[in-house]
């Protein structure tokens, strides 16, 4: 019986010595997260307006200019 107790206690000790967890990824709404900046260049205004509309819906993307 004592050998079983030693096995269970040693396994508990080894579980405590596990490697540290990796760093967590930043959250979507985190202001420290770098933003993707986009410059849109197209000769059709409808295409430009559509792309601006789609990109501004994303929280991590910003349209910085159109041409």
PDB file of N, CA and C in Angstrom:
ATOM      1  N   UNK A   1       0.801  -1.193   0.000  1.00  0.00           N
ATOM      2  CA  UNK A   1       0.000   0.000   0.000  1.00  0.00           C
ATOM      3  C   UNK A   1       0.851   1.267   0.000  1.00  0.00           C
ATOM      4  N   UNK A   2       1.961   1.213   0.663  1.00  0.00           N
ATOM      5  CA  UNK A   2       2.794   2.407   0.723  1.00  0.00           C
ATOM      6  C   UNK A   2       3.359   2.766  -0.653  1.00  0.00           C
ATOM      7  N   UNK A   3       3.607   1.751  -1.462  1.00  0.00           N
ATOM      8  CA  UNK A   3       4.146   2.038  -2.790  1.00  0.00           C
ATOM      9  C   UNK A   3       3.112   2.776  -3.644  1.00  0.00           C
ATOM     10  N   UNK A   4       1.838   2.468  -3.454  1.00  0.00           N
ATOM     11  CA  UNK A   4       0.798   3.173  -4.206  1.00  0.00           C
ATOM     12  C   UNK A   4       0.729   4.628  -3.777  1.00  0.00           C
ATOM     13  N   UNK A   5       0.873   4.888  -2.509  1.00  0.00           N
ATOM     14  CA  UNK A   5       0.839   6.260  -2.028  1.00  0.00           C
ATOM     15  C   UNK A   5       2.021   7.052  -2.572  1.00  0.00           C
ATOM     16  N   UNK A   6       3.178   6.414  -2.627  1.00  0.00           N
ATOM     17  CA  UNK A   6       4.349   7.098  -3.149  1.00  0.00           C
ATOM     18  C   UNK A   6       4.189   7.432  -4.630  1.00  0.00           C
ATOM     19  N   UNK A   7       3.573   6.551  -5.372  1.00  0.00           N
ATOM     20  CA  UNK A   7       3.360   6.782  -6.795  1.00  0.00           C
ATOM     21  C   UNK A   7       2.411   7.960  -7.005  1.00  0.00           C
ATOM     22  N   UNK A   8       1.340   7.998  -6.243  1.00  0.00           N
ATOM     23  CA  UNK A   8       0.375   9.085  -6.425  1.00  0.00           C
ATOM     24  C   UNK A   8       0.947  10.424  -5.983  1.00  0.00           C
ATOM     25  N   UNK A   9       1.723  10.441  -4.906  1.00  0.00           N
ATOM     26  CA  UNK A   9       2.295  11.705  -4.464  1.00  0.00           C
ATOM     27  C   UNK A   9       3.379  12.177  -5.411  1.00  0.00           C
ATOM     28  N   UNK A  10       4.160  11.253  -5.962  1.00  0.00           N
ATOM     29  CA  UNK A  10       5.210  11.660  -6.894  1.00  0.00           C
ATOM     30  C   UNK A  10       4.603  12.173  -8.195  1.00  0.00           C
ATOM     31  N   UNK A  11       3.482  11.604  -8.626  1.00  0.00           N
ATOM     32  CA  UNK A  11       2.842  12.093  -9.845  1.00  0.00           C
ATOM     33  C   UNK A  11       2.245  13.477  -9.628  1.00  0.00           C
ATOM     34  N   UNK A  12       1.773  13.751  -8.409  1.00  0.00           N
ATOM     35  CA  UNK A  12       1.254  15.080  -8.111  1.00  0.00           C
ATOM     36  C   UNK A  12       2.377  16.101  -8.101  1.00  0.00           C
ATOM     37  N   UNK A  13       3.521  15.706  -7.586  1.00  0.00           N
ATOM     38  CA  UNK A  13       4.660  16.611  -7.566  1.00  0.00           C
ATOM     39  C   UNK A  13       5.148  16.907  -8.971  1.00  0.00           C
ATOM     40  N   UNK A  14       5.177  15.900  -9.830  1.00  0.00           N
ATOM     41  CA  UNK A  14       5.650  16.123 -11.198  1.00  0.00           C
ATOM     42  C   UNK A  14       4.676  16.996 -11.974  1.00  0.00           C
ATOM     43  N   UNK A  15       3.388  16.940 -11.650  1.00  0.00           N
ATOM     44  CA  UNK A  15       2.411  17.788 -12.320  1.00  0.00           C
ATOM     45  C   UNK A  15       2.618  19.247 -11.937  1.00  0.00           C
ATOM     46  N   UNK A  16       3.088  19.503 -10.731  1.00  0.00           N
ATOM     47  CA  UNK A  16       3.320  20.873 -10.291  1.00  0.00           C
ATOM     48  C   UNK A  16       4.550  21.472 -10.951  1.00  0.00           C
ATOM     49  N   UNK A  17       5.468  20.638 -11.409  1.00  0.00           N
ATOM     50  CA  UNK A  17       6.710  21.117 -12.002  1.00  0.00           C
ATOM     51  C   UNK A  17       6.598  21.286 -13.518  1.00  0.00           C
ATOM     52  N   UNK A  18       5.411  21.454 -14.025  1.00  0.00           N
ATOM     53  CA  UNK A  18       5.237  21.587 -15.466  1.00  0.00           C
ATOM     54  C   UNK A  18       5.820  22.909 -15.955  1.00  0.00           C
ATOM     55  N   UNK A  19       6.077  22.976 -17.240  1.00  0.00           N
ATOM     56  CA  UNK A  19       6.660  24.178 -17.823  1.00  0.00           C
ATOM     57  C   UNK A  19       5.659  25.324 -17.783  1.00  0.00           C
ATOM     58  N   UNK A  20       6.134  26.559 -17.718  1.00  0.00           N
ATOM     59  CA  UNK A  20       5.214  27.700 -17.670  1.00  0.00           C
ATOM     60  C   UNK A  20       4.424  27.824 -18.972  1.00  0.00           C
ATOM     61  N   UNK A  21       3.237  28.385 -18.869  1.00  0.00           N
ATOM     62  CA  UNK A  21       2.383  28.536 -20.041  1.00  0.00           C
ATOM     63  C   UNK A  21       2.938  29.597 -20.986  1.00  0.00           C
ATOM     64  N   UNK A  22       2.628  29.434 -22.258  1.00  0.00           N
ATOM     65  CA  UNK A  22       3.065  30.422 -23.249  1.00  0.00           C
ATOM     66  C   UNK A  22       2.284  31.716 -23.057  1.00  0.00           C
ATOM     67  N   UNK A  23       2.824  32.802 -23.578  1.00  0.00           N
ATOM     68  CA  UNK A  23       2.136  34.084 -23.465  1.00  0.00           C
ATOM     69  C   UNK A  23       0.835  34.040 -24.258  1.00  0.00           C
ATOM     70  N   UNK A  24      -0.185  34.661 -23.695  1.00  0.00           N
ATOM     71  CA  UNK A  24      -1.483  34.683 -24.359  1.00  0.00           C
ATOM     72  C   UNK A  24      -1.465  35.700 -25.494  1.00  0.00           C
ATOM     73  N   UNK A  25      -2.207  35.396 -26.546  1.00  0.00           N
ATOM     74  CA  UNK A  25      -2.329  36.318 -27.670  1.00  0.00           C
ATOM     75  C   UNK A  25      -3.193  37.504 -27.266  1.00  0.00           C
ATOM     76  N   UNK A  26      -2.928  38.682 -27.808  1.00  0.00           N
ATOM     77  CA  UNK A  26      -3.737  39.848 -27.450  1.00  0.00           C
ATOM     78  C   UNK A  26      -5.180  39.691 -27.909  1.00  0.00           C
ATOM     79  N   UNK A  27      -6.084  40.280 -27.165  1.00  0.00           N
ATOM     80  CA  UNK A  27      -7.499  40.209 -27.502  1.00  0.00           C
ATOM     81  C   UNK A  27      -7.793  41.116 -28.689  1.00  0.00           C
ATOM     82  N   UNK A  28      -8.913  40.862 -29.350  1.00  0.00           N
ATOM     83  CA  UNK A  28      -9.281  41.622 -30.539  1.00  0.00           C
ATOM     84  C   UNK A  28      -9.498  43.092 -30.208  1.00  0.00           C
ATOM     85  N   UNK A  29     -10.136  43.394 -29.104  1.00  0.00           N
ATOM     86  CA  UNK A  29     -10.420  44.767 -28.738  1.00  0.00           C
ATOM     87  C   UNK A  29      -9.296  45.464 -28.001  1.00  0.00           C
ATOM     88  N   UNK A  30      -8.156  44.827 -27.875  1.00  0.00           N
ATOM     89  CA  UNK A  30      -7.027  45.390 -27.137  1.00  0.00           C
ATOM     90  C   UNK A  30      -6.424  46.551 -27.918  1.00  0.00           C
ATOM     91  N   UNK A  31      -6.270  47.710 -27.268  1.00  0.00           N
ATOM     92  CA  UNK A  31      -5.749  48.895 -27.946  1.00  0.00           C
ATOM     93  C   UNK A  31      -4.251  48.805 -28.179  1.00  0.00           C
ATOM     94  N   UNK A  32      -3.550  47.936 -27.493  1.00  0.00           N
ATOM     95  CA  UNK A  32      -2.107  47.783 -27.668  1.00  0.00           C
ATOM     96  C   UNK A  32      -1.777  46.985 -28.923  1.00  0.00           C
ATOM     97  N   UNK A  33      -2.754  46.314 -29.496  1.00  0.00           N
ATOM     98  CA  UNK A  33      -2.527  45.497 -30.674  1.00  0.00           C
ATOM     99  C   UNK A  33      -2.301  46.397 -31.891  1.00  0.00           C
ATOM    100  N   UNK A  34      -1.278  46.125 -32.679  1.00  0.00           N
ATOM    101  CA  UNK A  34      -1.029  46.969 -33.844  1.00  0.00           C
ATOM    102  C   UNK A  34      -2.148  46.847 -34.868  1.00  0.00           C
ATOM    103  N   UNK A  35      -2.483  47.968 -35.473  1.00  0.00           N
ATOM    104  CA  UNK A  35      -3.557  48.012 -36.450  1.00  0.00           C
ATOM    105  C   UNK A  35      -2.987  47.845 -37.857  1.00  0.00           C
ATOM    106  N   UNK A  36      -3.766  47.250 -38.738  1.00  0.00           N
ATOM    107  CA  UNK A  36      -3.375  47.096 -40.134  1.00  0.00           C
ATOM    108  C   UNK A  36      -3.845  48.340 -40.871  1.00  0.00           C
ATOM    109  N   UNK A  37      -2.927  49.054 -41.463  1.00  0.00           N
ATOM    110  CA  UNK A  37      -3.256  50.273 -42.189  1.00  0.00           C
ATOM    111  C   UNK A  37      -3.277  49.962 -43.677  1.00  0.00           C
ATOM    112  N   UNK A  38      -4.338  50.443 -44.371  1.00  0.00           N
ATOM    113  CA  UNK A  38      -4.541  50.100 -45.770  1.00  0.00           C
ATOM    114  C   UNK A  38      -4.671  51.373 -46.601  1.00  0.00           C
ATOM    115  N   UNK A  39      -4.001  51.407 -47.735  1.00  0.00           N
ATOM    116  CA  UNK A  39      -4.152  52.461 -48.722  1.00  0.00           C
ATOM    117  C   UNK A  39      -4.825  51.830 -49.933  1.00  0.00           C
ATOM    118  N   UNK A  40      -5.957  52.380 -50.354  1.00  0.00           N
ATOM    119  CA  UNK A  40      -6.723  51.808 -51.461  1.00  0.00           C
ATOM    120  C   UNK A  40      -6.501  52.669 -52.702  1.00  0.00           C
ATOM    121  N   UNK A  41      -6.075  52.035 -53.783  1.00  0.00           N
ATOM    122  CA  UNK A  41      -5.878  52.729 -55.056  1.00  0.00           C
ATOM    123  C   UNK A  41      -6.595  51.954 -56.155  1.00  0.00           C
ATOM    124  N   UNK A  42      -7.612  52.584 -56.747  1.00  0.00           N
ATOM    125  CA  UNK A  42      -8.359  51.970 -57.844  1.00  0.00           C
ATOM    126  C   UNK A  42      -8.973  53.074 -58.679  1.00  0.00           C
ATOM    127  N   UNK A  43      -9.134  52.839 -59.974  1.00  0.00           N
ATOM    128  CA  UNK A  43      -9.681  53.877 -60.834  1.00  0.00           C
ATOM    129  C   UNK A  43     -11.217  53.896 -60.859  1.00  0.00           C
ATOM    130  N   UNK A  44     -11.855  52.939 -60.222  1.00  0.00           N
ATOM    131  CA  UNK A  44     -13.323  52.911 -60.140  1.00  0.00           C
ATOM    132  C   UNK A  44     -13.762  53.318 -58.738  1.00  0.00           C
ATOM    133  N   UNK A  45     -14.544  54.379 -58.658  1.00  0.00           N
ATOM    134  CA  UNK A  45     -14.965  54.893 -57.349  1.00  0.00           C
ATOM    135  C   UNK A  45     -15.853  53.901 -56.607  1.00  0.00           C
ATOM    136  N   UNK A  46     -16.656  53.138 -57.335  1.00  0.00           N
ATOM    137  CA  UNK A  46     -17.548  52.164 -56.687  1.00  0.00           C
ATOM    138  C   UNK A  46     -16.732  51.065 -56.005  1.00  0.00           C
ATOM    139  N   UNK A  47     -15.672  50.631 -56.646  1.00  0.00           N
ATOM    140  CA  UNK A  47     -14.815  49.601 -56.072  1.00  0.00           C
ATOM    141  C   UNK A  47     -14.125  50.146 -54.820  1.00  0.00           C
ATOM    142  N   UNK A  48     -13.594  51.377 -54.928  1.00  0.00           N
ATOM    143  CA  UNK A  48     -12.942  51.993 -53.762  1.00  0.00           C
ATOM    144  C   UNK A  48     -13.906  52.112 -52.590  1.00  0.00           C
ATOM    145  N   UNK A  49     -15.114  52.609 -52.847  1.00  0.00           N
ATOM    146  CA  UNK A  49     -16.102  52.782 -51.776  1.00  0.00           C
ATOM    147  C   UNK A  49     -16.483  51.442 -51.152  1.00  0.00           C
ATOM    148  N   UNK A  50     -16.591  50.396 -51.975  1.00  0.00           N
ATOM    149  CA  UNK A  50     -16.906  49.067 -51.456  1.00  0.00           C
ATOM    150  C   UNK A  50     -15.801  48.521 -50.573  1.00  0.00           C
ATOM    151  N   UNK A  51     -14.570  48.695 -51.014  1.00  0.00           N
ATOM    152  CA  UNK A  51     -13.433  48.231 -50.211  1.00  0.00           C
ATOM    153  C   UNK A  51     -13.329  48.998 -48.901  1.00  0.00           C
ATOM    154  N   UNK A  52     -13.534  50.311 -48.940  1.00  0.00           N
ATOM    155  CA  UNK A  52     -13.502  51.111 -47.716  1.00  0.00           C
ATOM    156  C   UNK A  52     -14.582  50.625 -46.763  1.00  0.00           C
ATOM    157  N   UNK A  53     -15.769  50.357 -47.281  1.00  0.00           N
ATOM    158  CA  UNK A  53     -16.873  49.876 -46.444  1.00  0.00           C
ATOM    159  C   UNK A  53     -16.537  48.541 -45.780  1.00  0.00           C
ATOM    160  N   UNK A  54     -15.942  47.630 -46.526  1.00  0.00           N
ATOM    161  CA  UNK A  54     -15.590  46.317 -45.973  1.00  0.00           C
ATOM    162  C   UNK A  54     -14.467  46.419 -44.942  1.00  0.00           C
ATOM    163  N   UNK A  55     -13.470  47.215 -45.239  1.00  0.00           N
ATOM    164  CA  UNK A  55     -12.304  47.298 -44.359  1.00  0.00           C
ATOM    165  C   UNK A  55     -12.630  48.017 -43.059  1.00  0.00           C
ATOM    166  N   UNK A  56     -13.466  49.039 -43.113  1.00  0.00           N
ATOM    167  CA  UNK A  56     -13.784  49.782 -41.878  1.00  0.00           C
ATOM    168  C   UNK A  56     -14.637  48.962 -40.919  1.00  0.00           C
ATOM    169  N   UNK A  57     -15.235  47.901 -41.377  1.00  0.00           N
ATOM    170  CA  UNK A  57     -15.995  47.005 -40.480  1.00  0.00           C
ATOM    171  C   UNK A  57     -15.076  46.194 -39.573  1.00  0.00           C
ATOM    172  N   UNK A  58     -13.860  45.985 -39.995  1.00  0.00           N
ATOM    173  CA  UNK A  58     -12.894  45.231 -39.201  1.00  0.00           C
ATOM    174  C   UNK A  58     -12.310  46.138 -38.129  1.00  0.00           C
ATOM    175  N   UNK A  59     -12.237  45.625 -36.893  1.00  0.00           N
ATOM    176  CA  UNK A  59     -11.751  46.441 -35.784  1.00  0.00           C
ATOM    177  C   UNK A  59     -10.239  46.636 -35.820  1.00  0.00           C
ATOM    178  N   UNK A  60      -9.512  45.743 -36.467  1.00  0.00           N
ATOM    179  CA  UNK A  60      -8.049  45.852 -36.477  1.00  0.00           C
ATOM    180  C   UNK A  60      -7.502  46.421 -37.773  1.00  0.00           C
ATOM    181  N   UNK A  61      -8.373  46.973 -38.630  1.00  0.00           N
ATOM    182  CA  UNK A  61      -7.937  47.542 -39.903  1.00  0.00           C
ATOM    183  C   UNK A  61      -8.401  48.995 -40.029  1.00  0.00           C
ATOM    184  N   UNK A  62      -7.556  49.821 -40.656  1.00  0.00           N
ATOM    185  CA  UNK A  62      -7.865  51.234 -40.834  1.00  0.00           C
ATOM    186  C   UNK A  62      -7.497  51.637 -42.257  1.00  0.00           C
ATOM    187  N   UNK A  63      -8.411  52.345 -42.927  1.00  0.00           N
ATOM    188  CA  UNK A  63      -8.112  52.893 -44.241  1.00  0.00           C
ATOM    189  C   UNK A  63      -7.439  54.242 -44.023  1.00  0.00           C
ATOM    190  N   UNK A  64      -6.219  54.372 -44.514  1.00  0.00           N
ATOM    191  CA  UNK A  64      -5.480  55.623 -44.294  1.00  0.00           C
ATOM    192  C   UNK A  64      -5.564  56.547 -45.505  1.00  0.00           C
ATOM    193  N   UNK A  65      -6.028  56.040 -46.638  1.00  0.00           N
ATOM    194  CA  UNK A  65      -6.149  56.910 -47.812  1.00  0.00           C
ATOM    195  C   UNK A  65      -6.723  56.188 -49.000  1.00  0.00           C
ATOM    196  N   UNK A  66      -7.211  57.003 -49.942  1.00  0.00           N
ATOM    197  CA  UNK A  66      -7.754  56.475 -51.190  1.00  0.00           C
ATOM    198  C   UNK A  66      -7.151  57.254 -52.346  1.00  0.00           C
ATOM    199  N   UNK A  67      -6.992  56.579 -53.469  1.00  0.00           N
ATOM    200  CA  UNK A  67      -6.486  57.255 -54.659  1.00  0.00           C
ATOM    201  C   UNK A  67      -7.178  56.692 -55.880  1.00  0.00           C
TER     202      UNK A  67
END
